[in-house]
Amino acid sequence: MDGNTGQALVIVDADGNYYVLPREVVQTAKADPASRAAIEQHLDGHDPVPLAGGYSFAGVLRLPPGSELAHYSPEPCWPVATTG
């Protein structure tokens, strides 16, 4: 059995609300390696903070309103910017 089976990432917002993201859900948002520069450009930069289960917190993505990078897709890769 996979050691990651049944794992979920839990985040808490400023109001104390819990968000439970099963590993399978988190993996659907895996970024395409070609998106790394676009992600880093909009990331409030600091060194990643180790969490648990092999994850680290890299920061908050700050995207301009209407950014094509700020949408959910059922495809298992975060999109690559297609416009400047």
N, C-alpha and C. Protein backbone atom coordinates (compact mmCIF):
# COMPACT_ATOMS: atom_id res chain seq x y z
N MET A 1 0.85 -1.19 0.00
CA MET A 1 0.00 0.00 0.00
C MET A 1 0.88 1.24 0.00
N ASP A 2 0.52 2.23 -0.78
CA ASP A 2 1.24 3.50 -0.88
C ASP A 2 1.19 4.22 0.46
N GLY A 3 2.35 4.70 0.94
CA GLY A 3 2.41 5.42 2.21
C GLY A 3 1.67 6.74 2.19
N ASN A 4 1.32 7.22 0.99
CA ASN A 4 0.59 8.49 0.88
C ASN A 4 -0.92 8.30 0.82
N THR A 5 -1.38 7.04 0.78
CA THR A 5 -2.81 6.77 0.70
C THR A 5 -3.51 7.36 1.91
N GLY A 6 -4.58 8.08 1.65
CA GLY A 6 -5.37 8.66 2.72
C GLY A 6 -4.83 9.99 3.23
N GLN A 7 -3.74 10.50 2.64
CA GLN A 7 -3.20 11.78 3.08
C GLN A 7 -4.03 12.93 2.55
N ALA A 8 -4.11 13.99 3.34
CA ALA A 8 -4.77 15.22 2.90
C ALA A 8 -3.99 16.39 3.46
N LEU A 9 -3.92 17.45 2.69
CA LEU A 9 -3.31 18.70 3.11
C LEU A 9 -4.43 19.52 3.73
N VAL A 10 -4.21 20.03 4.94
CA VAL A 10 -5.22 20.84 5.62
C VAL A 10 -4.67 22.24 5.79
N ILE A 11 -5.42 23.22 5.28
CA ILE A 11 -5.03 24.61 5.47
C ILE A 11 -6.13 25.31 6.25
N VAL A 12 -5.76 26.38 6.92
CA VAL A 12 -6.70 27.14 7.75
C VAL A 12 -6.62 28.60 7.32
N ASP A 13 -7.78 29.23 7.11
CA ASP A 13 -7.77 30.64 6.72
C ASP A 13 -7.81 31.53 7.96
N ALA A 14 -7.77 32.82 7.74
CA ALA A 14 -7.72 33.80 8.84
C ALA A 14 -8.96 33.75 9.74
N ASP A 15 -10.06 33.20 9.24
CA ASP A 15 -11.28 33.09 10.04
C ASP A 15 -11.38 31.76 10.78
N GLY A 16 -10.35 30.91 10.65
CA GLY A 16 -10.34 29.63 11.34
C GLY A 16 -11.05 28.51 10.59
N ASN A 17 -11.41 28.75 9.33
CA ASN A 17 -12.05 27.71 8.52
C ASN A 17 -11.00 26.72 8.03
N TYR A 18 -11.32 25.43 8.12
CA TYR A 18 -10.42 24.38 7.64
C TYR A 18 -10.78 24.01 6.20
N TYR A 19 -9.75 23.74 5.41
CA TYR A 19 -9.90 23.25 4.04
C TYR A 19 -9.09 21.97 3.93
N VAL A 20 -9.77 20.87 3.64
CA VAL A 20 -9.12 19.56 3.56
C VAL A 20 -8.98 19.20 2.09
N LEU A 21 -7.73 19.10 1.64
CA LEU A 21 -7.42 18.81 0.25
C LEU A 21 -6.74 17.45 0.16
N PRO A 22 -7.48 16.41 -0.21
CA PRO A 22 -6.87 15.09 -0.35
C PRO A 22 -5.70 15.17 -1.34
N ARG A 23 -4.69 14.34 -1.11
CA ARG A 23 -3.50 14.33 -1.97
C ARG A 23 -3.88 14.24 -3.45
N GLU A 24 -4.90 13.46 -3.76
CA GLU A 24 -5.32 13.31 -5.16
C GLU A 24 -5.82 14.64 -5.72
N VAL A 25 -6.47 15.45 -4.91
CA VAL A 25 -6.94 16.76 -5.35
C VAL A 25 -5.76 17.70 -5.54
N VAL A 26 -4.83 17.69 -4.61
CA VAL A 26 -3.64 18.54 -4.71
C VAL A 26 -2.88 18.19 -5.99
N GLN A 27 -2.77 16.91 -6.30
CA GLN A 27 -2.01 16.49 -7.47
C GLN A 27 -2.65 16.95 -8.78
N THR A 28 -3.96 17.23 -8.79
CA THR A 28 -4.58 17.73 -10.02
C THR A 28 -4.13 19.15 -10.32
N ALA A 29 -3.54 19.83 -9.34
CA ALA A 29 -3.06 21.20 -9.53
C ALA A 29 -1.54 21.26 -9.71
N LYS A 30 -0.94 20.11 -9.97
CA LYS A 30 0.51 20.08 -10.17
C LYS A 30 0.89 20.97 -11.35
N ALA A 31 1.85 21.84 -11.13
CA ALA A 31 2.28 22.78 -12.17
C ALA A 31 3.14 22.10 -13.22
N ASP A 32 2.89 22.46 -14.45
CA ASP A 32 3.73 22.02 -15.54
C ASP A 32 5.11 22.65 -15.31
N PRO A 33 6.19 21.89 -15.43
CA PRO A 33 7.52 22.46 -15.22
C PRO A 33 7.78 23.72 -16.04
N ALA A 34 7.16 23.85 -17.20
CA ALA A 34 7.34 25.05 -18.02
C ALA A 34 6.70 26.28 -17.39
N SER A 35 5.86 26.08 -16.37
CA SER A 35 5.20 27.20 -15.69
C SER A 35 6.01 27.78 -14.54
N ARG A 36 7.11 27.16 -14.22
CA ARG A 36 7.88 27.55 -13.03
C ARG A 36 8.23 29.04 -13.00
N ALA A 37 8.72 29.57 -14.10
CA ALA A 37 9.10 31.00 -14.15
C ALA A 37 7.89 31.90 -13.93
N ALA A 38 6.76 31.55 -14.54
CA ALA A 38 5.54 32.34 -14.36
C ALA A 38 5.07 32.30 -12.91
N ILE A 39 5.17 31.15 -12.30
CA ILE A 39 4.78 31.01 -10.89
C ILE A 39 5.70 31.87 -10.03
N GLU A 40 6.99 31.72 -10.22
CA GLU A 40 7.95 32.46 -9.39
C GLU A 40 7.82 33.96 -9.57
N GLN A 41 7.43 34.40 -10.76
CA GLN A 41 7.26 35.83 -11.03
C GLN A 41 6.15 36.42 -10.16
N HIS A 42 5.13 35.64 -9.83
CA HIS A 42 3.97 36.12 -9.08
C HIS A 42 3.93 35.63 -7.63
N LEU A 43 4.96 34.95 -7.21
CA LEU A 43 5.00 34.40 -5.86
C LEU A 43 5.59 35.42 -4.91
N ASP A 44 4.92 35.63 -3.77
CA ASP A 44 5.51 36.52 -2.77
C ASP A 44 6.70 35.78 -2.17
N GLY A 45 7.85 36.03 -2.70
CA GLY A 45 9.04 35.22 -2.51
C GLY A 45 9.58 35.12 -1.10
N HIS A 46 9.85 33.93 -0.70
CA HIS A 46 10.63 33.59 0.49
C HIS A 46 11.02 32.13 0.36
N ASP A 47 11.89 31.69 1.23
CA ASP A 47 12.32 30.30 1.16
C ASP A 47 11.15 29.38 1.53
N PRO A 48 11.01 28.25 0.83
CA PRO A 48 9.93 27.32 1.17
C PRO A 48 10.01 26.86 2.62
N VAL A 49 8.85 26.73 3.24
CA VAL A 49 8.74 26.29 4.63
C VAL A 49 8.27 24.84 4.62
N PRO A 50 9.08 23.92 5.16
CA PRO A 50 8.66 22.51 5.16
C PRO A 50 7.37 22.31 5.94
N LEU A 51 6.47 21.51 5.36
CA LEU A 51 5.23 21.15 6.02
C LEU A 51 5.34 19.69 6.44
N ALA A 52 4.43 18.87 5.99
CA ALA A 52 4.47 17.44 6.30
C ALA A 52 4.16 16.67 5.02
N GLY A 53 4.42 15.40 5.03
CA GLY A 53 4.08 14.56 3.90
C GLY A 53 4.83 14.89 2.62
N GLY A 54 6.00 15.51 2.76
CA GLY A 54 6.79 15.84 1.58
C GLY A 54 6.43 17.17 0.93
N TYR A 55 5.52 17.94 1.52
CA TYR A 55 5.13 19.24 0.98
C TYR A 55 5.88 20.36 1.68
N SER A 56 6.01 21.48 1.00
CA SER A 56 6.55 22.72 1.58
C SER A 56 5.64 23.86 1.14
N PHE A 57 5.58 24.90 1.97
CA PHE A 57 4.82 26.09 1.62
C PHE A 57 5.76 27.06 0.94
N ALA A 58 5.44 27.46 -0.30
CA ALA A 58 6.32 28.33 -1.07
C ALA A 58 5.86 29.78 -1.05
N GLY A 59 4.67 30.06 -0.60
CA GLY A 59 4.17 31.41 -0.54
C GLY A 59 2.79 31.52 -1.14
N VAL A 60 2.35 32.75 -1.30
CA VAL A 60 1.03 33.03 -1.87
C VAL A 60 1.23 33.59 -3.27
N LEU A 61 0.49 33.08 -4.21
CA LEU A 61 0.55 33.56 -5.58
C LEU A 61 -0.26 34.85 -5.68
N ARG A 62 0.37 35.90 -6.15
CA ARG A 62 -0.30 37.20 -6.31
C ARG A 62 -0.48 37.45 -7.80
N LEU A 63 -1.69 37.23 -8.28
CA LEU A 63 -1.96 37.35 -9.71
C LEU A 63 -2.83 38.57 -9.98
N PRO A 64 -2.59 39.24 -11.11
CA PRO A 64 -3.42 40.38 -11.47
C PRO A 64 -4.86 39.91 -11.73
N PRO A 65 -5.84 40.79 -11.49
CA PRO A 65 -7.24 40.42 -11.76
C PRO A 65 -7.41 39.94 -13.21
N GLY A 66 -8.16 38.88 -13.37
CA GLY A 66 -8.42 38.36 -14.71
C GLY A 66 -7.29 37.55 -15.31
N SER A 67 -6.25 37.27 -14.55
CA SER A 67 -5.13 36.51 -15.08
C SER A 67 -5.58 35.13 -15.54
N GLU A 68 -5.10 34.73 -16.71
CA GLU A 68 -5.44 33.39 -17.21
C GLU A 68 -4.80 32.30 -16.37
N LEU A 69 -3.87 32.67 -15.51
CA LEU A 69 -3.23 31.68 -14.65
C LEU A 69 -4.04 31.42 -13.38
N ALA A 70 -5.10 32.21 -13.16
CA ALA A 70 -5.86 32.12 -11.93
C ALA A 70 -7.19 31.41 -12.13
N HIS A 71 -7.15 30.27 -12.76
CA HIS A 71 -8.39 29.51 -12.94
C HIS A 71 -8.15 28.05 -12.65
N TYR A 72 -9.23 27.37 -12.31
CA TYR A 72 -9.15 25.94 -12.04
C TYR A 72 -9.37 25.18 -13.33
N SER A 73 -8.62 24.13 -13.50
CA SER A 73 -8.78 23.26 -14.66
C SER A 73 -8.74 21.83 -14.16
N PRO A 74 -9.59 20.96 -14.68
CA PRO A 74 -9.52 19.56 -14.27
C PRO A 74 -8.29 18.84 -14.81
N GLU A 75 -7.55 19.50 -15.72
CA GLU A 75 -6.32 18.90 -16.23
C GLU A 75 -5.27 18.88 -15.12
N PRO A 76 -4.44 17.84 -15.03
CA PRO A 76 -3.49 17.71 -13.95
C PRO A 76 -2.21 18.53 -14.10
N CYS A 77 -2.32 19.75 -14.61
CA CYS A 77 -1.18 20.65 -14.69
C CYS A 77 -1.65 22.08 -14.63
N TRP A 78 -0.96 22.87 -13.84
CA TRP A 78 -1.24 24.30 -13.79
C TRP A 78 -0.88 24.86 -15.14
N PRO A 79 -1.68 25.79 -15.67
CA PRO A 79 -1.46 26.24 -17.05
C PRO A 79 -0.18 27.08 -17.23
N VAL A 80 0.28 27.10 -18.45
CA VAL A 80 1.42 27.92 -18.84
C VAL A 80 0.84 29.19 -19.45
N ALA A 81 1.42 30.33 -19.12
CA ALA A 81 0.96 31.59 -19.69
C ALA A 81 1.07 31.55 -21.21
N THR A 82 0.03 31.99 -21.88
CA THR A 82 0.08 32.02 -23.34
C THR A 82 0.08 33.44 -23.86
N THR A 83 -0.09 34.40 -22.95
CA THR A 83 -0.03 35.81 -23.34
C THR A 83 0.92 36.54 -22.40
N GLY A 84 1.39 37.69 -22.84
CA GLY A 84 2.35 38.46 -22.08
C GLY A 84 1.68 39.27 -21.05
